[in-house]
Amino acid sequence: MLIATVIATGVFAAAISLPGGTNGDTGKPNFLKKISFLVFAISDALAFISSSTSILIFFSILVSRYG
């Protein structure tokens, strides 16, 4: 659970600080039309979803009572 939390934190920080920055006038990312940015966004979202799911599943196992 600790490693999944560290991964989720790193992925969240990477999603907030976009590579290449943003355009000052429009607020859109500078690399929006590049295929590498799309790959980054999809892999970042997949990593965050999978690590969050891992945290929630482990937490539900941890707090459930043994019947």
PDB file of N, CA and C in Angstrom:
ATOM      1  N   MET A   1       0.833  -1.193   0.000  1.00  0.00           N
ATOM      2  CA  MET A   1       0.000   0.000   0.000  1.00  0.00           C
ATOM      3  C   MET A   1       0.875   1.254   0.000  1.00  0.00           C
ATOM      4  N   LEU A   2       1.994   1.172   0.663  1.00  0.00           N
ATOM      5  CA  LEU A   2       2.897   2.319   0.712  1.00  0.00           C
ATOM      6  C   LEU A   2       3.463   2.633  -0.668  1.00  0.00           C
ATOM      7  N   ILE A   3       3.866   1.615  -1.397  1.00  0.00           N
ATOM      8  CA  ILE A   3       4.423   1.830  -2.729  1.00  0.00           C
ATOM      9  C   ILE A   3       3.359   2.361  -3.682  1.00  0.00           C
ATOM     10  N   ALA A   4       2.139   1.841  -3.591  1.00  0.00           N
ATOM     11  CA  ALA A   4       1.051   2.333  -4.443  1.00  0.00           C
ATOM     12  C   ALA A   4       0.747   3.797  -4.140  1.00  0.00           C
ATOM     13  N   THR A   5       0.854   4.181  -2.880  1.00  0.00           N
ATOM     14  CA  THR A   5       0.625   5.573  -2.504  1.00  0.00           C
ATOM     15  C   THR A   5       1.723   6.482  -3.056  1.00  0.00           C
ATOM     16  N   VAL A   6       2.948   6.013  -3.011  1.00  0.00           N
ATOM     17  CA  VAL A   6       4.060   6.796  -3.558  1.00  0.00           C
ATOM     18  C   VAL A   6       3.908   6.942  -5.078  1.00  0.00           C
ATOM     19  N   ILE A   7       3.514   5.876  -5.746  1.00  0.00           N
ATOM     20  CA  ILE A   7       3.303   5.937  -7.190  1.00  0.00           C
ATOM     21  C   ILE A   7       2.168   6.892  -7.531  1.00  0.00           C
ATOM     22  N   ALA A   8       1.059   6.813  -6.793  1.00  0.00           N
ATOM     23  CA  ALA A   8      -0.070   7.707  -7.046  1.00  0.00           C
ATOM     24  C   ALA A   8       0.318   9.165  -6.823  1.00  0.00           C
ATOM     25  N   THR A   9       1.117   9.424  -5.817  1.00  0.00           N
ATOM     26  CA  THR A   9       1.567  10.787  -5.550  1.00  0.00           C
ATOM     27  C   THR A   9       2.449  11.314  -6.684  1.00  0.00           C
ATOM     28  N   GLY A  10       3.383  10.480  -7.143  1.00  0.00           N
ATOM     29  CA  GLY A  10       4.257  10.893  -8.236  1.00  0.00           C
ATOM     30  C   GLY A  10       3.507  11.116  -9.537  1.00  0.00           C
ATOM     31  N   VAL A  11       2.547  10.249  -9.823  1.00  0.00           N
ATOM     32  CA  VAL A  11       1.762  10.381 -11.050  1.00  0.00           C
ATOM     33  C   VAL A  11       0.890  11.630 -10.989  1.00  0.00           C
ATOM     34  N   PHE A  12       0.324  11.903  -9.822  1.00  0.00           N
ATOM     35  CA  PHE A  12      -0.492  13.100  -9.666  1.00  0.00           C
ATOM     36  C   PHE A  12       0.347  14.359  -9.864  1.00  0.00           C
ATOM     37  N   ALA A  13       1.552  14.359  -9.322  1.00  0.00           N
ATOM     38  CA  ALA A  13       2.437  15.519  -9.496  1.00  0.00           C
ATOM     39  C   ALA A  13       2.851  15.684 -10.956  1.00  0.00           C
ATOM     40  N   ALA A  14       3.057  14.565 -11.655  1.00  0.00           N
ATOM     41  CA  ALA A  14       3.423  14.646 -13.074  1.00  0.00           C
ATOM     42  C   ALA A  14       2.257  15.150 -13.917  1.00  0.00           C
ATOM     43  N   ALA A  15       1.043  14.828 -13.524  1.00  0.00           N
ATOM     44  CA  ALA A  15      -0.127  15.283 -14.284  1.00  0.00           C
ATOM     45  C   ALA A  15      -0.363  16.777 -14.102  1.00  0.00           C
ATOM     46  N   ILE A  16      -0.064  17.284 -12.922  1.00  0.00           N
ATOM     47  CA  ILE A  16      -0.290  18.710 -12.662  1.00  0.00           C
ATOM     48  C   ILE A  16       0.766  19.571 -13.363  1.00  0.00           C
ATOM     49  N   SER A  17       2.017  19.148 -13.300  1.00  0.00           N
ATOM     50  CA  SER A  17       3.085  19.914 -13.960  1.00  0.00           C
ATOM     51  C   SER A  17       3.289  19.331 -15.359  1.00  0.00           C
ATOM     52  N   LEU A  18       2.573  19.859 -16.313  1.00  0.00           N
ATOM     53  CA  LEU A  18       2.596  19.337 -17.671  1.00  0.00           C
ATOM     54  C   LEU A  18       3.950  19.582 -18.322  1.00  0.00           C
ATOM     55  N   PRO A  19       4.446  18.609 -19.097  1.00  0.00           N
ATOM     56  CA  PRO A  19       5.715  18.832 -19.791  1.00  0.00           C
ATOM     57  C   PRO A  19       5.557  19.887 -20.880  1.00  0.00           C
ATOM     58  N   GLY A  20       6.478  20.809 -20.956  1.00  0.00           N
ATOM     59  CA  GLY A  20       6.416  21.868 -21.955  1.00  0.00           C
ATOM     60  C   GLY A  20       5.673  23.098 -21.489  1.00  0.00           C
ATOM     61  N   GLY A  21       5.001  23.024 -20.362  1.00  0.00           N
ATOM     62  CA  GLY A  21       4.278  24.170 -19.840  1.00  0.00           C
ATOM     63  C   GLY A  21       2.989  24.461 -20.599  1.00  0.00           C
ATOM     64  N   THR A  22       2.402  25.597 -20.303  1.00  0.00           N
ATOM     65  CA  THR A  22       1.163  25.997 -20.951  1.00  0.00           C
ATOM     66  C   THR A  22       1.340  27.330 -21.657  1.00  0.00           C
ATOM     67  N   ASN A  23       0.473  27.570 -22.611  1.00  0.00           N
ATOM     68  CA  ASN A  23       0.481  28.835 -23.341  1.00  0.00           C
ATOM     69  C   ASN A  23      -0.100  29.914 -22.430  1.00  0.00           C
ATOM     70  N   GLY A  24       0.577  31.031 -22.329  1.00  0.00           N
ATOM     71  CA  GLY A  24       0.129  32.098 -21.441  1.00  0.00           C
ATOM     72  C   GLY A  24      -1.172  32.746 -21.876  1.00  0.00           C
ATOM     73  N   ASP A  25      -1.434  32.773 -23.171  1.00  0.00           N
ATOM     74  CA  ASP A  25      -2.642  33.433 -23.668  1.00  0.00           C
ATOM     75  C   ASP A  25      -3.878  32.547 -23.560  1.00  0.00           C
ATOM     76  N   THR A  26      -3.745  31.284 -23.972  1.00  0.00           N
ATOM     77  CA  THR A  26      -4.917  30.400 -24.014  1.00  0.00           C
ATOM     78  C   THR A  26      -5.015  29.477 -22.813  1.00  0.00           C
ATOM     79  N   GLY A  27      -3.900  29.184 -22.162  1.00  0.00           N
ATOM     80  CA  GLY A  27      -3.909  28.268 -21.029  1.00  0.00           C
ATOM     81  C   GLY A  27      -3.844  26.805 -21.437  1.00  0.00           C
ATOM     82  N   LYS A  28      -3.729  26.533 -22.732  1.00  0.00           N
ATOM     83  CA  LYS A  28      -3.632  25.156 -23.215  1.00  0.00           C
ATOM     84  C   LYS A  28      -2.174  24.701 -23.174  1.00  0.00           C
ATOM     85  N   PRO A  29      -1.947  23.381 -23.036  1.00  0.00           N
ATOM     86  CA  PRO A  29      -0.567  22.879 -23.052  1.00  0.00           C
ATOM     87  C   PRO A  29       0.112  23.150 -24.392  1.00  0.00           C
ATOM     88  N   ASN A  30       1.412  23.409 -24.351  1.00  0.00           N
ATOM     89  CA  ASN A  30       2.160  23.707 -25.579  1.00  0.00           C
ATOM     90  C   ASN A  30       2.279  22.497 -26.495  1.00  0.00           C
ATOM     91  N   PHE A  31       2.351  21.305 -25.935  1.00  0.00           N
ATOM     92  CA  PHE A  31       2.530  20.090 -26.725  1.00  0.00           C
ATOM     93  C   PHE A  31       1.214  19.366 -26.960  1.00  0.00           C
ATOM     94  N   LEU A  32       0.108  20.067 -26.993  1.00  0.00           N
ATOM     95  CA  LEU A  32      -1.207  19.441 -27.100  1.00  0.00           C
ATOM     96  C   LEU A  32      -1.385  18.666 -28.395  1.00  0.00           C
ATOM     97  N   LYS A  33      -0.803  19.115 -29.473  1.00  0.00           N
ATOM     98  CA  LYS A  33      -0.992  18.468 -30.775  1.00  0.00           C
ATOM     99  C   LYS A  33       0.067  17.408 -31.087  1.00  0.00           C
ATOM    100  N   LYS A  34       0.973  17.156 -30.176  1.00  0.00           N
ATOM    101  CA  LYS A  34       2.017  16.151 -30.376  1.00  0.00           C
ATOM    102  C   LYS A  34       1.524  14.785 -29.900  1.00  0.00           C
ATOM    103  N   ILE A  35       1.908  13.733 -30.622  1.00  0.00           N
ATOM    104  CA  ILE A  35       1.495  12.384 -30.272  1.00  0.00           C
ATOM    105  C   ILE A  35       2.153  11.927 -28.971  1.00  0.00           C
ATOM    106  N   SER A  36       3.358  12.398 -28.689  1.00  0.00           N
ATOM    107  CA  SER A  36       4.033  12.013 -27.452  1.00  0.00           C
ATOM    108  C   SER A  36       3.304  12.557 -26.223  1.00  0.00           C
ATOM    109  N   PHE A  37       2.689  13.723 -26.350  1.00  0.00           N
ATOM    110  CA  PHE A  37       1.915  14.265 -25.235  1.00  0.00           C
ATOM    111  C   PHE A  37       0.674  13.421 -24.982  1.00  0.00           C
ATOM    112  N   LEU A  38       0.047  12.930 -26.039  1.00  0.00           N
ATOM    113  CA  LEU A  38      -1.112  12.059 -25.898  1.00  0.00           C
ATOM    114  C   LEU A  38      -0.723  10.750 -25.213  1.00  0.00           C
ATOM    115  N   VAL A  39       0.409  10.199 -25.593  1.00  0.00           N
ATOM    116  CA  VAL A  39       0.901   8.977 -24.956  1.00  0.00           C
ATOM    117  C   VAL A  39       1.182   9.235 -23.478  1.00  0.00           C
ATOM    118  N   PHE A  40       1.788  10.377 -23.176  1.00  0.00           N
ATOM    119  CA  PHE A  40       2.053  10.739 -21.783  1.00  0.00           C
ATOM    120  C   PHE A  40       0.760  10.853 -20.992  1.00  0.00           C
ATOM    121  N   ALA A  41      -0.235  11.529 -21.535  1.00  0.00           N
ATOM    122  CA  ALA A  41      -1.498  11.737 -20.820  1.00  0.00           C
ATOM    123  C   ALA A  41      -2.218  10.421 -20.570  1.00  0.00           C
ATOM    124  N   ILE A  42      -2.242   9.549 -21.564  1.00  0.00           N
ATOM    125  CA  ILE A  42      -2.929   8.269 -21.397  1.00  0.00           C
ATOM    126  C   ILE A  42      -2.196   7.380 -20.400  1.00  0.00           C
ATOM    127  N   SER A  43      -0.884   7.302 -20.502  1.00  0.00           N
ATOM    128  CA  SER A  43      -0.131   6.465 -19.563  1.00  0.00           C
ATOM    129  C   SER A  43      -0.189   7.032 -18.144  1.00  0.00           C
ATOM    130  N   ASP A  44      -0.217   8.341 -18.011  1.00  0.00           N
ATOM    131  CA  ASP A  44      -0.338   8.970 -16.703  1.00  0.00           C
ATOM    132  C   ASP A  44      -1.697   8.659 -16.079  1.00  0.00           C
ATOM    133  N   ALA A  45      -2.748   8.730 -16.872  1.00  0.00           N
ATOM    134  CA  ALA A  45      -4.081   8.416 -16.368  1.00  0.00           C
ATOM    135  C   ALA A  45      -4.201   6.947 -15.986  1.00  0.00           C
ATOM    136  N   LEU A  46      -3.654   6.059 -16.803  1.00  0.00           N
ATOM    137  CA  LEU A  46      -3.688   4.630 -16.486  1.00  0.00           C
ATOM    138  C   LEU A  46      -2.914   4.311 -15.209  1.00  0.00           C
ATOM    139  N   ALA A  47      -1.763   4.933 -15.032  1.00  0.00           N
ATOM    140  CA  ALA A  47      -0.968   4.703 -13.827  1.00  0.00           C
ATOM    141  C   ALA A  47      -1.697   5.206 -12.591  1.00  0.00           C
ATOM    142  N   PHE A  48      -2.342   6.361 -12.697  1.00  0.00           N
ATOM    143  CA  PHE A  48      -3.062   6.889 -11.543  1.00  0.00           C
ATOM    144  C   PHE A  48      -4.277   6.035 -11.200  1.00  0.00           C
ATOM    145  N   ILE A  49      -5.007   5.597 -12.208  1.00  0.00           N
ATOM    146  CA  ILE A  49      -6.190   4.772 -11.954  1.00  0.00           C
ATOM    147  C   ILE A  49      -5.796   3.424 -11.362  1.00  0.00           C
ATOM    148  N   SER A  50      -4.754   2.799 -11.896  1.00  0.00           N
ATOM    149  CA  SER A  50      -4.365   1.491 -11.386  1.00  0.00           C
ATOM    150  C   SER A  50      -3.789   1.570  -9.971  1.00  0.00           C
ATOM    151  N   SER A  51      -3.007   2.584  -9.677  1.00  0.00           N
ATOM    152  CA  SER A  51      -2.472   2.702  -8.319  1.00  0.00           C
ATOM    153  C   SER A  51      -3.565   3.084  -7.322  1.00  0.00           C
ATOM    154  N   SER A  52      -4.517   3.909  -7.737  1.00  0.00           N
ATOM    155  CA  SER A  52      -5.633   4.234  -6.848  1.00  0.00           C
ATOM    156  C   SER A  52      -6.501   3.009  -6.588  1.00  0.00           C
ATOM    157  N   THR A  53      -6.717   2.206  -7.611  1.00  0.00           N
ATOM    158  CA  THR A  53      -7.477   0.971  -7.434  1.00  0.00           C
ATOM    159  C   THR A  53      -6.752   0.020  -6.492  1.00  0.00           C
ATOM    160  N   SER A  54      -5.451  -0.076  -6.635  1.00  0.00           N
ATOM    161  CA  SER A  54      -4.657  -0.925  -5.758  1.00  0.00           C
ATOM    162  C   SER A  54      -4.757  -0.464  -4.303  1.00  0.00           C
ATOM    163  N   ILE A  55      -4.704   0.832  -4.087  1.00  0.00           N
ATOM    164  CA  ILE A  55      -4.825   1.372  -2.724  1.00  0.00           C
ATOM    165  C   ILE A  55      -6.201   1.042  -2.148  1.00  0.00           C
ATOM    166  N   LEU A  56      -7.243   1.248  -2.936  1.00  0.00           N
ATOM    167  CA  LEU A  56      -8.594   0.996  -2.435  1.00  0.00           C
ATOM    168  C   LEU A  56      -8.848  -0.477  -2.163  1.00  0.00           C
ATOM    169  N   ILE A  57      -8.352  -1.356  -3.024  1.00  0.00           N
ATOM    170  CA  ILE A  57      -8.537  -2.794  -2.805  1.00  0.00           C
ATOM    171  C   ILE A  57      -7.788  -3.244  -1.554  1.00  0.00           C
ATOM    172  N   PHE A  58      -6.550  -2.805  -1.393  1.00  0.00           N
ATOM    173  CA  PHE A  58      -5.803  -3.181  -0.198  1.00  0.00           C
ATOM    174  C   PHE A  58      -6.449  -2.618   1.053  1.00  0.00           C
ATOM    175  N   PHE A  59      -6.941  -1.398   0.982  1.00  0.00           N
ATOM    176  CA  PHE A  59      -7.601  -0.804   2.147  1.00  0.00           C
ATOM    177  C   PHE A  59      -8.877  -1.550   2.496  1.00  0.00           C
ATOM    178  N   SER A  60      -9.636  -1.977   1.488  1.00  0.00           N
ATOM    179  CA  SER A  60     -10.859  -2.729   1.777  1.00  0.00           C
ATOM    180  C   SER A  60     -10.543  -4.088   2.375  1.00  0.00           C
ATOM    181  N   ILE A  61      -9.457  -4.721   1.946  1.00  0.00           N
ATOM    182  CA  ILE A  61      -9.035  -5.976   2.563  1.00  0.00           C
ATOM    183  C   ILE A  61      -8.579  -5.741   3.986  1.00  0.00           C
ATOM    184  N   LEU A  62      -7.908  -4.656   4.225  1.00  0.00           N
ATOM    185  CA  LEU A  62      -7.371  -4.346   5.545  1.00  0.00           C
ATOM    186  C   LEU A  62      -8.469  -4.096   6.572  1.00  0.00           C
ATOM    187  N   VAL A  63      -9.519  -3.418   6.179  1.00  0.00           N
ATOM    188  CA  VAL A  63     -10.559  -3.049   7.145  1.00  0.00           C
ATOM    189  C   VAL A  63     -11.698  -4.058   7.223  1.00  0.00           C
ATOM    190  N   SER A  64     -11.755  -5.012   6.306  1.00  0.00           N
ATOM    191  CA  SER A  64     -12.833  -5.993   6.356  1.00  0.00           C
ATOM    192  C   SER A  64     -12.579  -6.990   7.493  1.00  0.00           C
ATOM    193  N   ARG A  65     -13.653  -7.454   8.070  1.00  0.00           N
ATOM    194  CA  ARG A  65     -13.519  -8.417   9.161  1.00  0.00           C
ATOM    195  C   ARG A  65     -13.473  -9.828   8.607  1.00  0.00           C
ATOM    196  N   TYR A  66     -12.748 -10.652   9.287  1.00  0.00           N
ATOM    197  CA  TYR A  66     -12.662 -12.044   8.894  1.00  0.00           C
ATOM    198  C   TYR A  66     -13.915 -12.748   9.393  1.00  0.00           C
ATOM    199  N   GLY A  67     -14.755 -13.241   8.457  1.00  0.00           N
ATOM    200  CA  GLY A  67     -16.033 -13.870   8.819  1.00  0.00           C
ATOM    201  C   GLY A  67     -15.812 -15.285   9.174  1.00  0.00           C
TER     202      GLY A  67
END
